[in-house]
């Protein structure tokens, strides 16, 4: 049998042989691109990680806690009392030098249309003193009364006397809210879903009419 008669495949010229390496490289690039797009979409519309830089939410959240902030809930419902929300600083804070993307985290205490004031170590909502077992200590300042405007919220830190919140800079516009603190993934000994305790009114209202008009003084701490 001559070589030409052999049934073995004939080698192709080197110029016609293509290495599969370029296909593998292209597939890896496509996978990386898809992963980046998915990560961007998830971070923008679903959830994103955040860390706690200050003690304004102690004891609920501590410095250096790592959280997952979920963004889906508020696409279907408005924020509720007791929700711990992450938000971009409103104009009042940006004037003080905070960057637009420097996120804050606080608890919602007052919703649109409700009246808030702070007196004698208590926060009052619609003339009812709130029972708040989640705070570090009672507030040592006086504020209000003021009515929460439409499209805004009154937010406070759980560490009431060490929190840069609505009693200092005013109401939080709803459009500034990024999402809701949902899950703590660090430190490992405190991993778990974050409980959003809702403030409850006492059965003994304060007989005081918070009817004076809103003024700039309504947004300042008075000691």
N, C-alpha and C. Protein backbone atom coordinates (compact mmCIF):
# COMPACT_ATOMS: atom_id res chain seq x y z
N UNK A 1 0.87 -1.19 0.00
CA UNK A 1 0.00 0.00 0.00
C UNK A 1 0.90 1.24 0.00
N UNK A 2 0.60 2.07 -0.91
CA UNK A 2 1.39 3.29 -0.99
C UNK A 2 0.88 4.29 0.03
N UNK A 3 1.70 5.32 0.33
CA UNK A 3 1.33 6.35 1.29
C UNK A 3 0.05 7.06 0.86
N UNK A 4 -0.08 7.25 -0.47
CA UNK A 4 -1.27 7.93 -0.95
C UNK A 4 -2.53 7.11 -0.76
N UNK A 5 -2.35 5.78 -0.69
CA UNK A 5 -3.50 4.91 -0.51
C UNK A 5 -3.89 4.75 0.96
N UNK A 6 -3.13 5.28 1.86
CA UNK A 6 -3.41 5.12 3.29
C UNK A 6 -4.73 5.79 3.66
N UNK A 7 -5.43 5.14 4.59
CA UNK A 7 -6.70 5.71 5.08
C UNK A 7 -6.50 6.73 6.19
N UNK A 8 -5.30 6.93 6.65
CA UNK A 8 -5.04 7.90 7.71
C UNK A 8 -5.27 9.31 7.18
N UNK A 9 -5.82 10.20 7.98
CA UNK A 9 -6.07 11.58 7.51
C UNK A 9 -4.77 12.29 7.18
N UNK A 10 -4.85 13.06 6.13
CA UNK A 10 -3.68 13.81 5.71
C UNK A 10 -3.59 15.10 6.52
N UNK A 11 -2.40 15.43 6.98
CA UNK A 11 -2.25 16.69 7.74
C UNK A 11 -2.54 17.90 6.86
N UNK A 12 -3.24 18.89 7.46
CA UNK A 12 -3.53 20.10 6.73
C UNK A 12 -2.34 21.05 6.79
N UNK A 13 -2.25 21.91 5.80
CA UNK A 13 -1.18 22.91 5.84
C UNK A 13 -1.32 23.77 7.09
N UNK A 14 -0.20 24.21 7.59
CA UNK A 14 -0.20 25.00 8.84
C UNK A 14 -1.06 26.23 8.72
N UNK A 15 -1.18 26.80 7.56
CA UNK A 15 -1.95 28.01 7.37
C UNK A 15 -3.44 27.80 7.50
N UNK A 16 -3.91 26.57 7.40
CA UNK A 16 -5.34 26.29 7.48
C UNK A 16 -5.75 25.75 8.83
N UNK A 17 -4.80 25.48 9.72
CA UNK A 17 -5.11 24.94 11.05
C UNK A 17 -5.32 26.10 12.01
N UNK A 18 -6.50 26.15 12.68
CA UNK A 18 -6.82 27.22 13.62
C UNK A 18 -6.81 26.70 15.05
N UNK A 19 -6.12 27.37 15.91
CA UNK A 19 -6.07 26.99 17.31
C UNK A 19 -7.39 27.38 17.99
N UNK A 20 -7.92 26.53 18.89
CA UNK A 20 -9.15 26.87 19.61
C UNK A 20 -8.92 27.93 20.69
N UNK A 21 -7.69 28.39 20.89
CA UNK A 21 -7.39 29.33 21.97
C UNK A 21 -8.15 30.64 21.81
N UNK A 22 -8.27 31.11 20.58
CA UNK A 22 -8.96 32.39 20.37
C UNK A 22 -10.43 32.29 20.73
N UNK A 23 -11.03 31.09 20.50
CA UNK A 23 -12.44 30.89 20.87
C UNK A 23 -12.59 30.92 22.39
N UNK A 24 -11.67 30.27 23.10
CA UNK A 24 -11.73 30.24 24.56
C UNK A 24 -11.57 31.66 25.13
N UNK A 25 -10.66 32.42 24.54
CA UNK A 25 -10.45 33.80 25.00
C UNK A 25 -11.71 34.64 24.79
N UNK A 26 -12.35 34.46 23.63
CA UNK A 26 -13.56 35.22 23.34
C UNK A 26 -14.69 34.84 24.29
N UNK A 27 -14.82 33.56 24.61
CA UNK A 27 -15.85 33.11 25.54
C UNK A 27 -15.62 33.70 26.93
N UNK A 28 -14.35 33.74 27.36
CA UNK A 28 -14.03 34.31 28.68
C UNK A 28 -14.38 35.79 28.74
N UNK A 29 -14.10 36.51 27.66
CA UNK A 29 -14.43 37.93 27.61
C UNK A 29 -15.95 38.12 27.67
N UNK A 30 -16.70 37.29 26.96
CA UNK A 30 -18.16 37.38 26.97
C UNK A 30 -18.72 37.11 28.36
N UNK A 31 -18.18 36.09 29.02
CA UNK A 31 -18.64 35.74 30.37
C UNK A 31 -18.35 36.89 31.34
N UNK A 32 -17.15 37.45 31.24
CA UNK A 32 -16.78 38.57 32.11
C UNK A 32 -17.69 39.76 31.87
N UNK A 33 -17.98 40.06 30.61
CA UNK A 33 -18.84 41.19 30.28
C UNK A 33 -20.24 40.99 30.84
N UNK A 34 -20.79 39.78 30.67
CA UNK A 34 -22.13 39.49 31.18
C UNK A 34 -22.15 39.60 32.70
N UNK A 35 -21.08 39.09 33.35
CA UNK A 35 -21.02 39.15 34.82
C UNK A 35 -20.99 40.60 35.30
N UNK A 36 -20.24 41.45 34.61
CA UNK A 36 -20.17 42.85 35.00
C UNK A 36 -21.51 43.55 34.83
N UNK A 37 -22.19 43.24 33.72
CA UNK A 37 -23.50 43.85 33.48
C UNK A 37 -24.50 43.40 34.55
N UNK A 38 -24.49 42.10 34.88
CA UNK A 38 -25.40 41.59 35.91
C UNK A 38 -25.10 42.23 37.27
N UNK A 39 -23.81 42.36 37.59
CA UNK A 39 -23.43 42.97 38.87
C UNK A 39 -23.90 44.42 38.93
N UNK A 40 -23.75 45.13 37.82
CA UNK A 40 -24.19 46.52 37.78
C UNK A 40 -25.70 46.63 37.93
N UNK A 41 -26.43 45.75 37.26
CA UNK A 41 -27.89 45.78 37.35
C UNK A 41 -28.37 45.44 38.76
N UNK A 42 -27.73 44.43 39.36
CA UNK A 42 -28.10 44.03 40.72
C UNK A 42 -27.82 45.17 41.70
N UNK A 43 -26.64 45.80 41.57
CA UNK A 43 -26.28 46.90 42.47
C UNK A 43 -27.20 48.10 42.29
N UNK A 44 -27.64 48.35 41.06
CA UNK A 44 -28.46 49.51 40.78
C UNK A 44 -29.91 49.31 41.19
N UNK A 45 -30.45 48.11 40.94
CA UNK A 45 -31.89 47.91 41.11
C UNK A 45 -32.28 46.93 42.21
N UNK A 46 -31.36 46.11 42.69
CA UNK A 46 -31.75 45.04 43.62
C UNK A 46 -31.12 45.23 45.00
N UNK A 47 -29.81 45.22 45.08
CA UNK A 47 -29.14 45.29 46.39
C UNK A 47 -27.70 45.71 46.20
N UNK A 48 -27.13 46.22 47.30
CA UNK A 48 -25.72 46.59 47.28
C UNK A 48 -25.16 46.51 48.69
N UNK A 49 -23.86 46.26 48.84
CA UNK A 49 -23.26 46.20 50.17
C UNK A 49 -22.92 47.60 50.67
N UNK A 50 -23.00 47.77 51.98
CA UNK A 50 -22.62 49.02 52.63
C UNK A 50 -21.99 48.70 53.98
N UNK A 51 -21.19 49.64 54.49
CA UNK A 51 -20.65 49.45 55.85
C UNK A 51 -21.03 50.65 56.70
N UNK A 52 -21.02 50.44 58.01
CA UNK A 52 -21.42 51.47 58.97
C UNK A 52 -20.16 52.20 59.45
N UNK A 53 -20.03 53.51 59.14
CA UNK A 53 -18.82 54.24 59.51
C UNK A 53 -18.89 54.94 60.87
N UNK A 54 -20.09 55.04 61.46
CA UNK A 54 -20.21 55.80 62.71
C UNK A 54 -21.10 55.05 63.70
N UNK A 55 -21.21 55.62 64.91
CA UNK A 55 -22.00 54.95 65.96
C UNK A 55 -23.38 55.57 66.10
N UNK A 56 -23.90 56.23 65.07
CA UNK A 56 -25.19 56.91 65.18
C UNK A 56 -26.37 55.95 65.28
N UNK A 57 -26.18 54.66 64.91
CA UNK A 57 -27.27 53.69 64.99
C UNK A 57 -27.06 52.65 66.09
N UNK A 58 -26.08 52.87 66.97
CA UNK A 58 -25.89 52.00 68.12
C UNK A 58 -27.13 52.08 69.00
N UNK A 59 -27.64 51.00 69.55
CA UNK A 59 -27.07 49.65 69.59
C UNK A 59 -27.52 48.74 68.44
N UNK A 60 -28.42 49.21 67.57
CA UNK A 60 -28.93 48.34 66.51
C UNK A 60 -27.83 47.96 65.54
N UNK A 61 -27.04 48.94 65.13
CA UNK A 61 -25.93 48.72 64.20
C UNK A 61 -24.68 49.33 64.80
N UNK A 62 -23.57 48.62 64.66
CA UNK A 62 -22.32 49.08 65.24
C UNK A 62 -21.33 49.49 64.17
N UNK A 63 -20.32 50.23 64.59
CA UNK A 63 -19.29 50.69 63.66
C UNK A 63 -18.64 49.49 62.98
N UNK A 64 -18.47 49.57 61.66
CA UNK A 64 -17.84 48.57 60.81
C UNK A 64 -18.75 47.39 60.48
N UNK A 65 -20.02 47.42 60.91
CA UNK A 65 -20.96 46.40 60.43
C UNK A 65 -21.06 46.49 58.91
N UNK A 66 -21.13 45.32 58.26
CA UNK A 66 -21.34 45.27 56.81
C UNK A 66 -22.76 44.81 56.54
N UNK A 67 -23.46 45.56 55.68
CA UNK A 67 -24.87 45.31 55.43
C UNK A 67 -25.14 45.09 53.95
N UNK A 68 -26.24 44.40 53.69
CA UNK A 68 -26.82 44.37 52.35
C UNK A 68 -28.03 45.30 52.38
N UNK A 69 -28.03 46.27 51.49
CA UNK A 69 -29.14 47.22 51.37
C UNK A 69 -29.99 46.79 50.18
N UNK A 70 -31.24 46.41 50.45
CA UNK A 70 -32.10 45.98 49.35
C UNK A 70 -32.93 47.15 48.84
N UNK A 71 -33.16 47.15 47.51
CA UNK A 71 -33.79 48.29 46.86
C UNK A 71 -35.13 47.97 46.21
N UNK A 72 -35.60 46.74 46.35
CA UNK A 72 -36.82 46.34 45.66
C UNK A 72 -38.09 46.75 46.41
N UNK A 73 -38.05 46.69 47.73
CA UNK A 73 -39.27 46.90 48.52
C UNK A 73 -39.97 48.20 48.16
N UNK A 74 -39.18 49.29 48.08
CA UNK A 74 -39.79 50.61 47.89
C UNK A 74 -40.24 50.86 46.46
N UNK A 75 -40.04 49.89 45.59
CA UNK A 75 -40.64 49.99 44.25
C UNK A 75 -42.09 49.54 44.27
N UNK A 76 -42.49 48.88 45.38
CA UNK A 76 -43.84 48.35 45.48
C UNK A 76 -44.62 48.94 46.65
N UNK A 77 -43.93 49.57 47.59
CA UNK A 77 -44.60 50.17 48.74
C UNK A 77 -43.76 51.33 49.24
N UNK A 78 -44.40 52.30 49.92
CA UNK A 78 -43.63 53.41 50.49
C UNK A 78 -42.91 52.96 51.76
N UNK A 79 -41.89 53.68 52.19
CA UNK A 79 -41.23 53.37 53.46
C UNK A 79 -42.20 53.44 54.62
N UNK A 80 -41.96 52.62 55.63
CA UNK A 80 -42.83 52.55 56.80
C UNK A 80 -42.11 53.04 58.05
N UNK A 81 -42.89 53.36 59.07
CA UNK A 81 -42.29 53.73 60.36
C UNK A 81 -41.41 52.59 60.86
N UNK A 82 -40.25 52.94 61.37
CA UNK A 82 -39.33 51.95 61.90
C UNK A 82 -38.35 51.40 60.88
N UNK A 83 -38.58 51.63 59.60
CA UNK A 83 -37.64 51.16 58.58
C UNK A 83 -36.29 51.84 58.77
N UNK A 84 -35.22 51.06 58.68
CA UNK A 84 -33.86 51.61 58.71
C UNK A 84 -33.43 51.81 57.27
N UNK A 85 -33.30 53.06 56.87
CA UNK A 85 -33.07 53.39 55.47
C UNK A 85 -31.68 53.97 55.25
N UNK A 86 -31.14 53.67 54.09
CA UNK A 86 -29.88 54.25 53.63
C UNK A 86 -30.23 55.29 52.57
N UNK A 87 -29.61 56.47 52.65
CA UNK A 87 -30.00 57.54 51.75
C UNK A 87 -28.82 58.45 51.42
N UNK A 88 -28.94 59.10 50.27
CA UNK A 88 -27.98 60.13 49.90
C UNK A 88 -28.32 61.41 50.67
N UNK A 89 -27.31 62.20 51.04
CA UNK A 89 -27.58 63.39 51.85
C UNK A 89 -28.46 64.39 51.12
N UNK A 90 -29.46 64.95 51.80
CA UNK A 90 -30.30 65.99 51.20
C UNK A 90 -29.52 67.28 51.01
N UNK A 91 -30.10 68.26 50.34
CA UNK A 91 -29.38 69.52 50.07
C UNK A 91 -28.82 70.18 51.32
N UNK A 92 -29.54 70.09 52.44
CA UNK A 92 -29.06 70.74 53.66
C UNK A 92 -27.68 70.22 54.07
N UNK A 93 -27.46 68.90 53.89
CA UNK A 93 -26.17 68.30 54.24
C UNK A 93 -25.12 68.56 53.18
N UNK A 94 -25.54 68.62 51.93
CA UNK A 94 -24.58 68.91 50.87
C UNK A 94 -24.01 70.31 51.02
N UNK A 95 -24.84 71.24 51.51
CA UNK A 95 -24.35 72.60 51.77
C UNK A 95 -23.26 72.59 52.84
N UNK A 96 -23.37 71.64 53.77
CA UNK A 96 -22.37 71.52 54.84
C UNK A 96 -21.09 70.84 54.37
N UNK A 97 -21.06 70.37 53.13
CA UNK A 97 -19.84 69.78 52.60
C UNK A 97 -19.88 68.29 52.36
N UNK A 98 -21.02 67.64 52.65
CA UNK A 98 -21.11 66.20 52.39
C UNK A 98 -21.31 65.95 50.90
N UNK A 99 -20.64 64.93 50.38
CA UNK A 99 -20.75 64.59 48.97
C UNK A 99 -22.12 64.00 48.67
N UNK A 100 -22.57 64.13 47.42
CA UNK A 100 -23.89 63.65 47.04
C UNK A 100 -24.03 62.14 47.23
N UNK A 101 -22.94 61.40 47.07
CA UNK A 101 -23.00 59.94 47.17
C UNK A 101 -22.50 59.42 48.52
N UNK A 102 -22.39 60.31 49.51
CA UNK A 102 -21.96 59.90 50.84
C UNK A 102 -23.18 59.46 51.64
N UNK A 103 -23.43 58.17 51.65
CA UNK A 103 -24.68 57.64 52.18
C UNK A 103 -24.76 57.76 53.70
N UNK A 104 -25.99 57.99 54.19
CA UNK A 104 -26.33 58.01 55.61
C UNK A 104 -27.28 56.85 55.89
N UNK A 105 -27.41 56.49 57.17
CA UNK A 105 -28.36 55.46 57.56
C UNK A 105 -29.06 55.89 58.85
N UNK A 106 -30.41 55.88 58.83
CA UNK A 106 -31.21 56.30 59.99
C UNK A 106 -32.51 55.50 60.01
N UNK A 107 -33.28 55.70 61.08
CA UNK A 107 -34.57 55.04 61.21
C UNK A 107 -35.70 56.05 60.94
N UNK A 108 -36.73 55.61 60.23
CA UNK A 108 -37.87 56.47 59.94
C UNK A 108 -38.75 56.57 61.18
N UNK A 109 -38.96 57.81 61.62
CA UNK A 109 -39.77 58.07 62.81
C UNK A 109 -41.09 58.76 62.45
N UNK A 110 -41.09 59.58 61.41
CA UNK A 110 -42.30 60.28 61.01
C UNK A 110 -42.52 60.20 59.52
N UNK A 111 -43.78 59.97 59.11
CA UNK A 111 -44.15 59.88 57.71
C UNK A 111 -44.86 61.16 57.27
N UNK A 112 -45.07 61.33 55.96
CA UNK A 112 -45.73 62.54 55.47
C UNK A 112 -47.08 62.79 56.16
N UNK A 113 -47.27 64.03 56.59
CA UNK A 113 -48.53 64.42 57.24
C UNK A 113 -48.52 64.27 58.74
N UNK A 114 -47.56 63.54 59.30
CA UNK A 114 -47.51 63.35 60.74
C UNK A 114 -46.73 64.49 61.40
N UNK A 115 -47.06 64.76 62.65
CA UNK A 115 -46.40 65.83 63.40
C UNK A 115 -45.45 65.23 64.42
N UNK A 116 -44.24 65.77 64.46
CA UNK A 116 -43.19 65.24 65.34
C UNK A 116 -42.68 66.35 66.23
N UNK A 117 -42.42 66.02 67.49
CA UNK A 117 -41.65 66.91 68.35
C UNK A 117 -40.96 66.09 69.43
N UNK A 118 -39.92 66.66 70.01
CA UNK A 118 -39.10 65.99 71.02
C UNK A 118 -39.12 66.85 72.27
N UNK A 119 -39.43 66.20 73.40
CA UNK A 119 -39.54 66.95 74.65
C UNK A 119 -39.40 66.00 75.84
N UNK A 120 -38.67 66.45 76.85
CA UNK A 120 -38.54 65.70 78.11
C UNK A 120 -38.08 64.26 77.87
N UNK A 121 -37.12 64.08 76.96
CA UNK A 121 -36.57 62.76 76.73
C UNK A 121 -37.45 61.82 75.94
N UNK A 122 -38.49 62.36 75.29
CA UNK A 122 -39.42 61.54 74.52
C UNK A 122 -39.60 62.13 73.12
N UNK A 123 -39.83 61.23 72.17
CA UNK A 123 -40.23 61.64 70.83
C UNK A 123 -41.73 61.47 70.74
N UNK A 124 -42.42 62.50 70.27
CA UNK A 124 -43.87 62.46 70.14
C UNK A 124 -44.25 62.44 68.66
N UNK A 125 -45.15 61.55 68.34
CA UNK A 125 -45.66 61.44 66.98
C UNK A 125 -47.16 61.63 67.03
N UNK A 126 -47.65 62.67 66.34
CA UNK A 126 -49.08 63.02 66.39
C UNK A 126 -49.56 63.11 67.83
N UNK A 127 -48.75 63.78 68.64
CA UNK A 127 -49.09 64.07 70.03
C UNK A 127 -49.02 62.86 70.96
N UNK A 128 -48.50 61.73 70.45
CA UNK A 128 -48.38 60.53 71.26
C UNK A 128 -46.91 60.22 71.53
N UNK A 129 -46.50 60.03 72.80
CA UNK A 129 -45.12 59.67 73.08
C UNK A 129 -44.82 58.26 72.58
N UNK A 130 -43.67 58.10 71.96
CA UNK A 130 -43.30 56.81 71.38
C UNK A 130 -42.55 55.94 72.39
N UNK A 131 -42.83 54.67 72.35
CA UNK A 131 -42.07 53.69 73.12
C UNK A 131 -41.00 53.12 72.19
N UNK A 132 -39.74 53.36 72.53
CA UNK A 132 -38.64 53.01 71.62
C UNK A 132 -37.57 52.20 72.36
N UNK A 133 -37.73 50.90 72.47
CA UNK A 133 -36.76 50.08 73.19
C UNK A 133 -35.42 49.93 72.48
N UNK A 134 -35.33 50.37 71.22
CA UNK A 134 -34.12 50.16 70.42
C UNK A 134 -33.10 51.29 70.56
N UNK A 135 -33.41 52.38 71.29
CA UNK A 135 -32.48 53.51 71.35
C UNK A 135 -31.44 53.30 72.46
N UNK A 136 -30.31 54.02 72.31
CA UNK A 136 -29.25 53.94 73.32
C UNK A 136 -29.66 54.62 74.61
N UNK A 137 -30.20 55.83 74.49
CA UNK A 137 -30.64 56.60 75.64
C UNK A 137 -31.64 57.64 75.16
N UNK A 138 -32.45 58.20 76.06
CA UNK A 138 -33.43 59.22 75.66
C UNK A 138 -32.74 60.46 75.10
N UNK A 139 -33.38 61.15 74.17
CA UNK A 139 -32.79 62.39 73.64
C UNK A 139 -32.72 63.47 74.71
N UNK A 140 -31.60 64.19 74.74
CA UNK A 140 -31.43 65.24 75.75
C UNK A 140 -31.64 66.63 75.16
N UNK A 141 -32.42 66.73 74.09
CA UNK A 141 -32.69 68.01 73.45
C UNK A 141 -34.18 68.18 73.22
N UNK A 142 -34.56 69.41 72.86
CA UNK A 142 -35.95 69.72 72.53
C UNK A 142 -36.00 70.11 71.06
N UNK A 143 -37.03 69.66 70.37
CA UNK A 143 -37.19 69.97 68.93
C UNK A 143 -38.66 70.00 68.57
N UNK A 144 -39.01 70.90 67.60
CA UNK A 144 -40.35 70.92 67.09
C UNK A 144 -41.31 71.71 67.96
N UNK A 145 -42.61 71.55 67.67
CA UNK A 145 -43.22 70.58 66.75
C UNK A 145 -43.15 71.03 65.28
N UNK A 146 -43.22 70.06 64.37
CA UNK A 146 -43.26 70.33 62.94
C UNK A 146 -43.96 69.18 62.25
N UNK A 147 -44.64 69.51 61.17
CA UNK A 147 -45.35 68.50 60.39
C UNK A 147 -44.48 68.04 59.23
N UNK A 148 -44.41 66.74 59.04
CA UNK A 148 -43.61 66.18 57.95
C UNK A 148 -44.32 66.49 56.63
N UNK A 149 -43.65 67.15 55.69
CA UNK A 149 -44.30 67.49 54.42
C UNK A 149 -44.48 66.27 53.52
N UNK A 150 -45.30 66.42 52.52
CA UNK A 150 -45.50 65.35 51.54
C UNK A 150 -44.19 65.06 50.83
N UNK A 151 -43.98 63.79 50.56
CA UNK A 151 -42.78 63.39 49.84
C UNK A 151 -41.52 63.42 50.67
N UNK A 152 -41.66 63.43 52.00
CA UNK A 152 -40.49 63.50 52.88
C UNK A 152 -40.73 62.66 54.13
N UNK A 153 -39.64 62.45 54.90
CA UNK A 153 -39.71 61.66 56.13
C UNK A 153 -38.84 62.31 57.20
N UNK A 154 -39.21 62.02 58.47
CA UNK A 154 -38.42 62.45 59.61
C UNK A 154 -37.63 61.24 60.07
N UNK A 155 -36.30 61.34 60.06
CA UNK A 155 -35.46 60.19 60.39
C UNK A 155 -34.55 60.53 61.57
N UNK A 156 -34.25 59.52 62.38
CA UNK A 156 -33.40 59.71 63.54
C UNK A 156 -32.49 58.50 63.70
N UNK A 157 -31.32 58.73 64.30
CA UNK A 157 -30.45 57.63 64.66
C UNK A 157 -30.87 57.02 65.98
N UNK A 158 -30.61 55.74 66.17
CA UNK A 158 -30.96 55.09 67.44
C UNK A 158 -30.08 55.59 68.58
N UNK A 159 -28.89 56.08 68.26
CA UNK A 159 -28.03 56.72 69.26
C UNK A 159 -28.39 58.20 69.27
N UNK A 160 -29.50 58.52 69.89
CA UNK A 160 -30.18 59.80 69.73
C UNK A 160 -29.29 61.02 70.01
N UNK A 161 -28.39 60.93 70.95
CA UNK A 161 -27.60 62.10 71.32
C UNK A 161 -26.26 62.17 70.58
N UNK A 162 -26.08 61.28 69.63
CA UNK A 162 -24.86 61.31 68.82
C UNK A 162 -25.21 60.95 67.39
N UNK A 163 -26.19 61.68 66.84
CA UNK A 163 -26.67 61.35 65.49
C UNK A 163 -26.97 62.62 64.72
N UNK A 164 -26.39 62.73 63.55
CA UNK A 164 -26.65 63.85 62.64
C UNK A 164 -27.88 63.50 61.81
N UNK A 165 -29.06 63.87 62.33
CA UNK A 165 -30.29 63.40 61.69
C UNK A 165 -31.29 64.54 61.51
N UNK A 166 -32.56 64.20 61.34
CA UNK A 166 -33.57 65.21 61.00
C UNK A 166 -33.75 66.29 62.06
N UNK A 167 -33.41 66.00 63.30
CA UNK A 167 -33.56 67.05 64.32
C UNK A 167 -32.53 68.15 64.13
N UNK A 168 -31.53 67.92 63.28
CA UNK A 168 -30.49 68.92 62.99
C UNK A 168 -30.70 69.55 61.62
N UNK A 169 -30.93 68.72 60.60
CA UNK A 169 -30.95 69.25 59.23
C UNK A 169 -32.32 69.18 58.54
N UNK A 170 -33.33 68.70 59.21
CA UNK A 170 -34.67 68.74 58.62
C UNK A 170 -35.14 67.43 58.04
N UNK A 171 -36.06 67.51 57.10
CA UNK A 171 -36.73 66.32 56.59
C UNK A 171 -35.96 65.68 55.42
N UNK A 172 -36.14 64.39 55.29
CA UNK A 172 -35.47 63.62 54.25
C UNK A 172 -36.39 63.45 53.05
N UNK A 173 -36.03 63.98 51.87
CA UNK A 173 -36.85 63.75 50.67
C UNK A 173 -36.85 62.28 50.29
N UNK A 174 -38.01 61.77 49.91
CA UNK A 174 -38.12 60.35 49.58
C UNK A 174 -37.20 59.96 48.43
N UNK A 175 -36.98 60.88 47.47
CA UNK A 175 -36.15 60.52 46.32
C UNK A 175 -34.69 60.30 46.69
N UNK A 176 -34.30 60.72 47.90
CA UNK A 176 -32.93 60.50 48.34
C UNK A 176 -32.70 59.11 48.93
N UNK A 177 -33.78 58.39 49.19
CA UNK A 177 -33.65 57.07 49.81
C UNK A 177 -33.12 56.06 48.80
N UNK A 178 -32.03 55.39 49.16
CA UNK A 178 -31.41 54.37 48.31
C UNK A 178 -32.10 53.03 48.49
N UNK A 179 -32.34 52.67 49.73
CA UNK A 179 -32.96 51.38 50.02
C UNK A 179 -33.07 51.14 51.51
N UNK A 180 -33.36 49.90 51.85
CA UNK A 180 -33.62 49.51 53.24
C UNK A 180 -32.55 48.53 53.71
N UNK A 181 -31.98 48.79 54.89
CA UNK A 181 -31.02 47.85 55.45
C UNK A 181 -31.71 46.51 55.68
N UNK A 182 -31.13 45.45 55.14
CA UNK A 182 -31.82 44.15 55.15
C UNK A 182 -31.06 43.06 55.87
N UNK A 183 -29.77 42.91 55.58
CA UNK A 183 -29.03 41.76 56.10
C UNK A 183 -27.62 42.19 56.50
N UNK A 184 -27.20 41.75 57.71
CA UNK A 184 -25.83 42.01 58.16
C UNK A 184 -25.00 40.76 57.86
N UNK A 185 -23.93 40.93 57.06
CA UNK A 185 -23.10 39.78 56.72
C UNK A 185 -21.73 39.81 57.40
N UNK A 186 -21.45 40.86 58.17
CA UNK A 186 -20.22 40.94 58.95
C UNK A 186 -20.46 41.93 60.11
N UNK A 187 -19.94 41.62 61.30
CA UNK A 187 -19.09 40.49 61.69
C UNK A 187 -19.85 39.17 61.72
N UNK A 188 -19.09 38.10 61.61
CA UNK A 188 -19.69 36.78 61.46
C UNK A 188 -20.53 36.35 62.67
N UNK A 189 -20.17 36.84 63.85
CA UNK A 189 -20.94 36.44 65.04
C UNK A 189 -22.26 37.20 65.16
N UNK A 190 -22.51 38.13 64.23
CA UNK A 190 -23.77 38.89 64.27
C UNK A 190 -24.49 38.83 62.92
N UNK A 191 -24.19 37.82 62.13
CA UNK A 191 -24.84 37.66 60.84
C UNK A 191 -26.34 37.45 61.02
N UNK A 192 -27.12 38.08 60.18
CA UNK A 192 -28.56 37.84 60.24
C UNK A 192 -29.36 38.97 59.63
N UNK A 193 -30.66 38.71 59.47
CA UNK A 193 -31.58 39.71 58.96
C UNK A 193 -31.75 40.81 60.00
N UNK A 194 -31.78 42.06 59.56
CA UNK A 194 -31.92 43.20 60.46
C UNK A 194 -33.39 43.42 60.77
N UNK A 195 -33.70 43.46 62.05
CA UNK A 195 -35.08 43.64 62.49
C UNK A 195 -35.42 45.12 62.51
N UNK A 196 -36.48 45.49 61.81
CA UNK A 196 -36.92 46.88 61.74
C UNK A 196 -38.03 47.10 62.77
N UNK A 197 -37.62 47.45 63.98
CA UNK A 197 -38.59 47.65 65.06
C UNK A 197 -39.40 48.90 64.80
N UNK A 198 -40.71 48.78 64.88
CA UNK A 198 -41.59 49.91 64.64
C UNK A 198 -41.87 50.64 65.94
N UNK A 199 -41.71 51.96 65.97
CA UNK A 199 -42.03 52.70 67.20
C UNK A 199 -43.51 52.64 67.50
N UNK A 200 -43.84 52.47 68.79
CA UNK A 200 -45.24 52.36 69.19
C UNK A 200 -45.61 53.54 70.09
N UNK A 201 -46.83 53.99 69.95
CA UNK A 201 -47.31 55.12 70.76
C UNK A 201 -47.70 54.66 72.14
N UNK A 202 -47.45 55.53 73.12
CA UNK A 202 -47.90 55.28 74.48
C UNK A 202 -49.41 55.50 74.56
N UNK A 203 -50.02 55.00 75.62
CA UNK A 203 -51.47 55.19 75.81
C UNK A 203 -51.77 56.52 76.49
N UNK A 204 -50.71 57.28 76.81
CA UNK A 204 -50.91 58.55 77.50
C UNK A 204 -50.43 59.69 76.63
N UNK A 205 -51.32 60.30 75.85
CA UNK A 205 -50.91 61.40 74.98
C UNK A 205 -50.58 62.65 75.78
N UNK A 206 -49.70 63.46 75.21
CA UNK A 206 -49.40 64.76 75.81
C UNK A 206 -50.43 65.76 75.33
N UNK A 207 -51.06 66.46 76.23
CA UNK A 207 -52.10 67.41 75.85
C UNK A 207 -51.44 68.74 75.47
N UNK A 208 -51.01 68.75 74.25
CA UNK A 208 -50.34 69.94 73.73
C UNK A 208 -50.66 70.01 72.25
N UNK A 209 -50.99 71.17 71.77
CA UNK A 209 -51.35 71.32 70.37
C UNK A 209 -50.16 71.78 69.55
N UNK A 210 -49.54 70.87 68.74
CA UNK A 210 -48.37 71.25 67.94
C UNK A 210 -48.80 71.97 66.68
N UNK A 211 -49.41 73.14 66.84
CA UNK A 211 -50.04 73.79 65.69
C UNK A 211 -49.31 75.04 65.23
N UNK A 212 -48.17 75.38 65.85
CA UNK A 212 -47.52 76.60 65.42
C UNK A 212 -46.93 76.39 64.03
N UNK A 213 -46.83 77.44 63.22
CA UNK A 213 -46.35 77.28 61.85
C UNK A 213 -44.90 76.82 61.80
N UNK A 214 -44.53 76.17 60.69
CA UNK A 214 -43.16 75.72 60.50
C UNK A 214 -42.25 76.92 60.28
N UNK A 215 -41.14 76.94 60.97
CA UNK A 215 -40.14 77.99 60.81
C UNK A 215 -38.78 77.34 60.74
N UNK A 216 -37.75 78.08 60.32
CA UNK A 216 -36.41 77.50 60.33
C UNK A 216 -36.00 76.98 61.69
N UNK A 217 -36.51 77.59 62.77
CA UNK A 217 -36.16 77.12 64.11
C UNK A 217 -36.66 75.71 64.36
N UNK A 218 -37.67 75.27 63.61
CA UNK A 218 -38.21 73.94 63.80
C UNK A 218 -37.18 72.87 63.49
N UNK A 219 -36.12 73.23 62.73
CA UNK A 219 -35.16 72.23 62.30
C UNK A 219 -33.86 72.31 63.09
N UNK A 220 -33.88 73.00 64.22
CA UNK A 220 -32.66 73.15 65.00
C UNK A 220 -32.82 72.46 66.35
N UNK A 221 -31.75 71.89 66.82
CA UNK A 221 -31.73 71.32 68.16
C UNK A 221 -31.71 72.44 69.19
N UNK A 222 -32.54 72.29 70.19
CA UNK A 222 -32.58 73.28 71.27
C UNK A 222 -32.25 72.59 72.57
N UNK A 223 -31.24 73.07 73.25
CA UNK A 223 -30.82 72.43 74.50
C UNK A 223 -31.03 73.38 75.66
